[in-house]
């Protein structure tokens, strides 16, 4: 089967997928209502394994890191395709995870990132069976744990370090945004800066007895860092927290940030500068200023002209999905570190990402799953080598 024959079959596959709306949405709602903050994904992984068992997969397991693994054996099995979706979300277990289903959308914390991705992974063996799609290569389905934040992709890294399969390509599934096509990773450094006012504050020292004011000085100095335009570089200050009330001096405040660049060397240099800033402000104010770096990424990936990239764009175009090319700092980075050609695909459109009313659109999901299945068939047929 040529890539043109594959793309011609995709509209039919998309229409057939609509017949399985009930099971797909049921899996999404049930997964979405299981809290899974990073390091606490075990209940979701158990659900995933149950779905694999119900689909008839014989070789399913939970590894020593807590990942959920399902194997769909190919007719030849000399090579393997790894399809990964991270199981964790940014919401705590105390958050109300009730999913709200309408005719057009499903709303709820974490539904887009990444309950939908995991639901697609859980449903994929059933869909392939019902569509009568058989593969030559083994298909490894990985529900990855410890991916977000301080997890630093621990789950997928552990699997790639310890598996015995001949993995030739990888696909990472994200719930949103449809059209997403990430095939490179940028250099990244992620961390937190925490400012604390000592219990016994030395009032003779120059400074203010407020961790928030101290953190503000850190932020101003970070903003003054001269960043190169080439290679493209940025510092993203993504979160800030501190204090407890209007009339109480803040004893602690924390900044969450990322340094991103096309150059690993620039990421390292900016990281050193931020460390110097933390030391300088601590010395100046008398407050404790602690820098904690807990995640890093190396730049890399496959070329734009790589067959995997080209075939996937052809598949997306045949489904009238406009590819949105952007680098990633997600699970794709773990594949890049292992020199495994891989990319990240988004399933549908969504809104209010990382808010309690996060939502996904239902109708585009069929197109999103069709592009995933088309890409798997293309890889299996040898068109992406």
Protein backbone atom coordinates (compact mmCIF):
# COMPACT_ATOMS: atom_id res chain seq x y z
CA UNK A 1 0.00 0.00 0.00
CA UNK A 2 1.45 3.40 -1.00
CA UNK A 3 1.08 6.59 1.04
CA UNK A 4 -1.49 7.79 -1.51
CA UNK A 5 -3.57 4.66 -0.96
CA UNK A 6 -3.34 5.25 2.78
CA UNK A 7 -4.54 8.83 2.50
CA UNK A 8 -7.44 7.78 0.25
CA UNK A 9 -8.67 5.36 2.92
CA UNK A 10 -8.57 7.92 5.75
CA UNK A 11 -11.96 9.62 5.12
CA UNK A 12 -13.62 6.22 5.34
CA UNK A 13 -11.79 5.45 8.58
CA UNK A 14 -12.90 8.80 9.98
CA UNK A 15 -16.54 8.01 9.27
CA UNK A 16 -16.21 4.54 10.81
CA UNK A 17 -14.74 6.02 13.99
CA UNK A 18 -17.97 7.91 14.65
CA UNK A 19 -19.63 4.56 15.33
CA UNK A 20 -17.43 4.22 18.43
CA UNK A 21 -18.33 7.59 19.98
CA UNK A 22 -19.88 5.98 23.06
CA UNK A 23 -16.88 3.88 24.10
CA UNK A 24 -14.39 6.67 23.39
CA UNK A 25 -16.29 9.28 25.39
CA UNK A 26 -16.96 6.79 28.19
CA UNK A 27 -13.22 6.12 28.47
CA UNK A 28 -12.51 9.85 28.43
CA UNK A 29 -15.02 10.63 31.18
CA UNK A 30 -13.91 7.74 33.39
CA UNK A 31 -10.22 8.60 32.98
CA UNK A 32 -10.88 12.32 33.44
CA UNK A 33 -12.68 11.74 36.74
CA UNK A 34 -9.67 9.89 38.20
CA UNK A 35 -7.31 12.48 39.76
CA UNK A 36 -3.73 11.99 38.58
CA UNK A 37 -1.34 14.69 39.79
CA UNK A 38 2.29 13.93 38.96
CA UNK A 39 3.61 11.05 41.12
CA UNK A 40 0.03 9.91 41.90
CA UNK A 41 -1.08 8.31 38.62
CA UNK A 42 -1.45 4.70 39.78
CA UNK A 43 -5.28 4.58 39.71
CA UNK A 44 -5.35 5.86 36.12
CA UNK A 45 -2.71 3.33 35.12
CA UNK A 46 -4.79 0.51 36.62
CA UNK A 47 -7.78 1.70 34.57
CA UNK A 48 -5.63 1.79 31.43
CA UNK A 49 -4.46 -1.81 32.01
CA UNK A 50 -8.05 -2.94 32.49
CA UNK A 51 -8.95 -1.42 29.12
CA UNK A 52 -6.00 -3.17 27.47
CA UNK A 53 -7.11 -6.47 28.97
CA UNK A 54 -10.69 -5.98 27.77
CA UNK A 55 -9.36 -5.32 24.26
CA UNK A 56 -7.64 -8.70 24.30
CA UNK A 57 -4.04 -7.58 24.66
CA UNK A 58 -2.21 -10.49 26.25
CA UNK A 59 1.08 -8.82 27.19
CA UNK A 60 0.22 -5.98 29.57
CA UNK A 61 2.15 -4.80 32.60
CA UNK A 62 3.08 -2.02 34.99
CA UNK A 63 6.84 -1.49 35.10
CA UNK A 64 9.01 -0.55 38.08
CA UNK A 65 8.48 3.15 37.41
CA UNK A 66 4.69 2.80 37.38
CA UNK A 67 4.13 3.10 33.62
CA UNK A 68 1.21 1.22 32.08
CA UNK A 69 2.28 -0.86 29.08
CA UNK A 70 0.20 -2.69 26.50
CA UNK A 71 1.64 -4.67 23.58
CA UNK A 72 -0.27 -5.27 20.36
CA UNK A 73 1.83 -7.96 18.72
CA UNK A 74 2.55 -7.52 15.01
CA UNK A 75 2.53 -10.31 12.45
CA UNK A 76 6.33 -10.06 12.13
CA UNK A 77 7.39 -8.21 15.26
CA UNK A 78 10.94 -7.47 14.17
CA UNK A 79 10.44 -3.77 14.88
CA UNK A 80 8.23 -1.80 17.24
CA UNK A 81 6.31 1.49 17.16
CA UNK A 82 5.91 3.26 20.51
CA UNK A 83 2.80 5.35 21.08
CA UNK A 84 2.94 7.34 24.31
CA UNK A 85 0.48 9.49 26.27
CA UNK A 86 1.34 10.96 29.66
CA UNK A 87 -1.08 10.02 32.43
CA UNK A 88 -0.55 12.93 34.82
CA UNK A 89 -2.27 16.32 34.96
CA UNK A 90 -1.49 19.63 36.67
CA UNK A 91 -4.49 19.37 39.05
CA UNK A 92 -4.29 18.12 42.65
CA UNK A 93 -6.26 15.17 43.99
CA UNK A 94 -8.37 17.62 46.03
CA UNK A 95 -9.78 19.19 42.84
CA UNK A 96 -13.30 18.21 41.82
CA UNK A 97 -12.69 16.15 38.66
CA UNK A 98 -16.33 15.78 37.60
CA UNK A 99 -16.58 15.83 33.80
CA UNK A 100 -19.44 17.76 32.16
CA UNK A 101 -20.60 16.30 28.83
CA UNK A 102 -22.59 18.34 26.31
CA UNK A 103 -23.48 17.55 22.70
CA UNK A 104 -20.37 19.43 21.52
CA UNK A 105 -17.82 19.44 24.34
CA UNK A 106 -16.49 17.72 27.42
CA UNK A 107 -15.39 20.03 30.22
CA UNK A 108 -13.34 19.32 33.32
CA UNK A 109 -9.91 19.72 34.90
CA UNK A 110 -7.22 18.05 32.80
CA UNK A 111 -9.57 16.84 30.06
CA UNK A 112 -7.35 18.36 27.34
CA UNK A 113 -3.98 17.81 29.02
CA UNK A 114 -3.95 14.91 28.99
CA UNK A 115 -7.03 12.84 29.83
CA UNK A 116 -8.04 12.80 26.16
CA UNK A 117 -4.61 11.61 25.06
CA UNK A 118 -4.72 8.75 27.57
CA UNK A 119 -8.32 7.89 26.58
CA UNK A 120 -7.26 7.62 22.94
CA UNK A 121 -4.41 5.31 23.99
CA UNK A 122 -6.84 3.17 26.01
CA UNK A 123 -9.30 2.92 23.11
CA UNK A 124 -6.78 2.42 20.29
CA UNK A 125 -6.50 -1.42 20.47
CA UNK A 126 -10.28 -1.75 20.29
CA UNK A 127 -10.47 0.68 17.35
CA UNK A 128 -7.76 -1.10 15.36
CA UNK A 129 -9.51 -4.42 15.92
CA UNK A 130 -12.92 -3.09 14.89
CA UNK A 131 -11.44 -1.38 11.82
CA UNK A 132 -9.74 -4.67 10.88
CA UNK A 133 -6.31 -3.03 10.79
CA UNK A 134 -3.43 -5.46 11.31
CA UNK A 135 0.20 -4.42 11.71
CA UNK A 136 3.47 -6.11 10.86
CA UNK A 137 5.36 -4.36 13.65
CA UNK A 138 4.64 -4.58 17.37
CA UNK A 139 2.67 -1.61 18.67
CA UNK A 140 3.70 -0.57 22.18
CA UNK A 141 1.14 1.53 24.03
CA UNK A 142 2.68 3.43 26.95
CA UNK A 143 0.76 5.35 29.58
CA UNK A 144 3.66 7.38 30.94
CA UNK A 145 3.88 8.56 34.55
CA UNK A 146 5.88 11.35 36.19
CA UNK A 147 6.00 13.46 33.04
CA UNK A 148 5.00 16.97 34.10
CA UNK A 149 6.84 19.48 36.30
CA UNK A 150 9.20 17.83 38.74
CA UNK A 151 8.47 14.48 37.13
CA UNK A 152 10.81 15.54 34.31
CA UNK A 153 9.66 12.78 31.92
CA UNK A 154 10.82 10.11 34.36
CA UNK A 155 8.30 7.52 33.19
CA UNK A 156 9.04 7.56 29.46
CA UNK A 157 12.78 7.94 30.11
CA UNK A 158 12.71 4.86 32.36
CA UNK A 159 10.89 2.82 29.73
CA UNK A 160 13.25 3.84 26.93
CA UNK A 161 16.25 3.00 29.12
CA UNK A 162 14.99 -0.44 30.13
CA UNK A 163 12.87 -1.95 27.34
CA UNK A 164 14.06 -4.77 25.06
CA UNK A 165 12.12 -3.77 21.91
CA UNK A 166 13.59 -2.56 18.64
CA UNK A 167 11.74 0.77 18.67
CA UNK A 168 12.15 2.48 15.31
CA UNK A 169 9.65 5.37 15.65
CA UNK A 170 7.58 7.04 18.32
CA UNK A 171 4.38 9.07 18.52
CA UNK A 172 3.39 11.21 21.51
CA UNK A 173 -0.34 11.89 21.89
CA UNK A 174 -1.57 15.16 23.38
CA UNK A 175 -5.24 16.04 23.75
CA UNK A 176 -4.78 19.45 22.13
CA UNK A 177 -4.22 21.23 19.83
CA UNK A 178 -5.32 19.56 16.59
CA UNK A 179 -2.78 20.40 13.91
CA UNK A 180 0.09 20.29 16.36
CA UNK A 181 3.09 18.70 14.73
CA UNK A 182 6.18 18.80 16.90
CA UNK A 183 9.26 17.02 15.65
CA UNK A 184 12.01 18.99 17.41
CA UNK A 185 12.75 19.90 21.00
CA UNK A 186 14.25 23.17 22.15
CA UNK A 187 16.80 23.48 24.91
CA UNK A 188 15.11 24.11 28.23
CA UNK A 189 15.88 24.61 31.90
CA UNK A 190 12.99 24.63 34.39
CA UNK A 191 13.13 25.61 38.02
CA UNK A 192 11.88 27.58 40.97
CA UNK A 193 13.33 30.47 42.94
CA UNK A 194 12.10 30.61 46.53
CA UNK A 195 12.67 33.65 48.75
CA UNK A 196 12.34 33.29 52.52
CA UNK A 197 12.60 35.90 55.28
CA UNK A 198 14.71 34.41 58.09
CA UNK A 199 12.94 33.79 61.40
CA UNK A 200 15.48 36.06 63.10
CA UNK A 201 15.62 38.88 60.56
CA UNK A 202 18.62 41.24 60.83
CA UNK A 203 16.92 44.64 60.62
CA UNK A 204 20.31 46.37 60.30
CA UNK A 205 20.75 44.78 56.85
CA UNK A 206 19.68 46.72 53.77
CA UNK A 207 16.37 45.35 52.52
CA UNK A 208 12.69 44.86 53.25
CA UNK A 209 11.14 42.20 55.46
CA UNK A 210 8.95 40.74 52.70
CA UNK A 211 9.71 37.73 50.59
CA UNK A 212 7.48 39.16 47.85
CA UNK A 213 9.57 42.34 47.59
CA UNK A 214 12.75 40.27 47.50
CA UNK A 215 11.30 38.04 44.77
CA UNK A 216 10.30 41.17 42.84
CA UNK A 217 13.94 42.27 42.87
CA UNK A 218 14.94 38.85 41.50
CA UNK A 219 12.34 39.17 38.73
CA UNK A 220 13.54 42.64 37.76
CA UNK A 221 17.11 41.43 37.45
CA UNK A 222 16.06 38.42 35.36
CA UNK A 223 14.19 40.83 33.05
CA UNK A 224 17.43 42.77 32.62
CA UNK A 225 19.31 39.74 31.25
CA UNK A 226 20.36 40.43 27.64
CA UNK A 227 19.01 37.52 25.63
CA UNK A 228 20.18 36.81 22.07
CA UNK A 229 17.74 37.04 19.18
CA UNK A 230 19.70 34.36 17.37
CA UNK A 231 19.60 31.65 18.56
CA UNK A 232 16.07 32.42 19.68
CA UNK A 233 15.92 32.54 23.48
CA UNK A 234 13.37 33.47 26.11
CA UNK A 235 12.79 33.31 29.85
CA UNK A 236 9.20 32.41 30.70
CA UNK A 237 8.12 33.36 34.22
CA UNK A 238 5.07 31.15 34.44
CA UNK A 239 3.90 31.16 38.05
CA UNK A 240 4.30 33.11 41.28
CA UNK A 241 2.98 32.45 44.75
CA UNK A 242 3.55 33.86 48.21
CA UNK A 243 2.08 35.38 51.31
CA UNK A 244 -1.07 34.48 53.23
CA UNK A 245 -3.13 37.63 53.85
CA UNK A 246 -3.38 41.38 53.26
CA UNK A 247 -1.96 42.44 56.63
CA UNK A 248 0.75 39.85 57.22
CA UNK A 249 4.32 40.16 55.99
CA UNK A 250 5.05 37.46 53.43
CA UNK A 251 7.63 35.11 54.86
CA UNK A 252 7.98 33.05 51.65
CA UNK A 253 7.42 33.56 47.91
CA UNK A 254 8.21 31.37 44.91
CA UNK A 255 8.72 32.00 41.20
CA UNK A 256 8.35 29.19 38.66
CA UNK A 257 10.27 29.78 35.42
CA UNK A 258 11.67 28.24 32.26
CA UNK A 259 14.65 29.21 30.14
CA UNK A 260 14.12 28.21 26.50
CA UNK A 261 16.58 28.43 23.64
CA UNK A 262 17.59 26.79 20.38
CA UNK A 263 21.08 26.55 21.90
CA UNK A 264 21.98 24.29 24.81
CA UNK A 265 24.98 26.52 25.54
CA UNK A 266 22.77 29.60 25.85
CA UNK A 267 20.39 27.76 28.21
CA UNK A 268 23.37 26.86 30.41
CA UNK A 269 24.72 30.43 30.37
CA UNK A 270 21.37 31.97 31.28
CA UNK A 271 20.96 29.40 34.04
CA UNK A 272 24.33 30.44 35.50
CA UNK A 273 23.29 34.10 35.33
CA UNK A 274 20.05 33.39 37.21
CA UNK A 275 22.03 31.51 39.84
CA UNK A 276 24.30 34.58 40.22
CA UNK A 277 21.22 36.79 40.56
CA UNK A 278 19.84 34.60 43.35
CA UNK A 279 23.14 34.78 45.23
CA UNK A 280 23.46 38.54 44.74
CA UNK A 281 19.93 39.33 45.94
CA UNK A 282 20.34 37.03 48.94
CA UNK A 283 23.56 38.77 49.92
CA UNK A 284 22.04 42.21 49.45
CA UNK A 285 18.75 41.69 51.30
CA UNK A 286 19.67 39.17 53.98
CA UNK A 287 16.82 36.92 52.82
CA UNK A 288 17.35 33.30 51.86
CA UNK A 289 17.06 33.00 48.06
CA UNK A 290 17.13 29.40 46.86
CA UNK A 291 17.38 28.30 43.21
CA UNK A 292 16.11 24.79 42.45
CA UNK A 293 16.60 23.44 38.91
CA UNK A 294 14.59 20.25 38.42
CA UNK A 295 14.21 19.74 34.66
CA UNK A 296 16.36 20.12 31.55
CA UNK A 297 15.98 19.43 27.84
CA UNK A 298 18.50 19.25 25.02
CA UNK A 299 17.68 20.70 21.60
CA UNK A 300 17.36 18.24 18.72
CA UNK A 301 14.92 16.28 16.62
CA UNK A 302 14.35 15.13 13.06
CA UNK A 303 14.61 17.37 9.96
CA UNK A 304 11.59 18.92 8.27
CA UNK A 305 12.26 16.65 5.25
CA UNK A 306 12.45 13.43 7.30
CA UNK A 307 10.10 10.76 5.85
CA UNK A 308 8.20 10.48 9.16
CA UNK A 309 7.57 14.20 9.13
CA UNK A 310 6.68 14.30 5.45
CA UNK A 311 4.26 11.34 5.61
CA UNK A 312 2.52 12.81 8.65
CA UNK A 313 2.07 16.17 6.89
CA UNK A 314 0.60 14.36 3.86
CA UNK A 315 -1.83 12.54 6.15
CA UNK A 316 -2.82 15.74 7.93
CA UNK A 317 -3.32 17.60 4.66
CA UNK A 318 -5.51 14.80 3.29
CA UNK A 319 -7.78 15.28 6.35
CA UNK A 320 -7.73 19.07 5.92
CA UNK A 321 -5.76 19.49 9.14
CA UNK A 322 -3.36 22.41 8.85
CA UNK A 323 -0.01 21.41 10.38
CA UNK A 324 1.19 23.77 13.10
CA UNK A 325 4.91 23.28 13.34
CA UNK A 326 6.34 24.10 16.75
CA UNK A 327 9.11 22.70 18.94
CA UNK A 328 8.21 20.80 22.09
CA UNK A 329 9.58 20.25 25.58
CA UNK A 330 7.28 17.28 26.27
CA UNK A 331 7.87 13.51 26.02
CA UNK A 332 9.30 14.02 22.54
CA UNK A 333 12.55 15.14 24.20
CA UNK A 334 13.05 11.64 25.67
CA UNK A 335 12.88 10.07 22.19
CA UNK A 336 15.31 12.67 20.85
CA UNK A 337 17.81 11.80 23.59
CA UNK A 338 17.68 8.18 22.35
CA UNK A 339 17.96 9.18 18.64
CA UNK A 340 14.55 7.65 17.92
CA UNK A 341 12.60 9.52 15.19
CA UNK A 342 9.39 10.74 16.82
CA UNK A 343 6.77 13.45 16.78
CA UNK A 344 3.90 14.81 18.84
CA UNK A 345 0.32 15.00 17.55
CA UNK A 346 -2.70 16.83 18.99
CA UNK A 347 -6.14 15.22 18.84
CA UNK A 348 -8.75 18.01 18.98
CA UNK A 349 -9.39 21.67 19.75
CA UNK A 350 -9.72 22.86 23.32
CA UNK A 351 -10.14 25.88 25.54
CA UNK A 352 -9.27 27.14 29.03
CA UNK A 353 -6.20 24.92 29.16
CA UNK A 354 -4.94 24.26 32.72
CA UNK A 355 -8.02 25.92 34.22
CA UNK A 356 -10.80 24.15 36.12
CA UNK A 357 -13.18 24.61 33.17
CA UNK A 358 -10.76 23.12 30.65
CA UNK A 359 -12.67 21.75 27.66
CA UNK A 360 -12.30 19.77 24.43
CA UNK A 361 -14.46 19.69 21.32
CA UNK A 362 -15.94 16.30 20.47
CA UNK A 363 -16.43 16.36 16.68
CA UNK A 364 -12.78 17.06 15.73
CA UNK A 365 -11.66 14.07 17.82
CA UNK A 366 -12.48 11.69 14.95
CA UNK A 367 -10.20 13.58 12.60
CA UNK A 368 -7.48 13.63 15.25
CA UNK A 369 -7.62 9.88 15.82
CA UNK A 370 -7.69 9.26 12.07
CA UNK A 371 -4.42 11.16 11.62
CA UNK A 372 -2.91 9.04 14.42
CA UNK A 373 -4.05 5.77 12.84
CA UNK A 374 -2.89 6.94 9.40
CA UNK A 375 0.55 7.74 10.78
CA UNK A 376 0.80 4.34 12.48
CA UNK A 377 -0.15 2.59 9.21
CA UNK A 378 2.43 4.65 7.29
CA UNK A 379 5.17 3.79 9.81
CA UNK A 380 4.19 0.14 9.74
CA UNK A 381 4.32 0.12 5.94
CA UNK A 382 7.90 1.38 5.93
CA UNK A 383 7.11 4.78 4.40
CA UNK A 384 8.62 6.74 7.30
CA UNK A 385 12.06 5.11 7.49
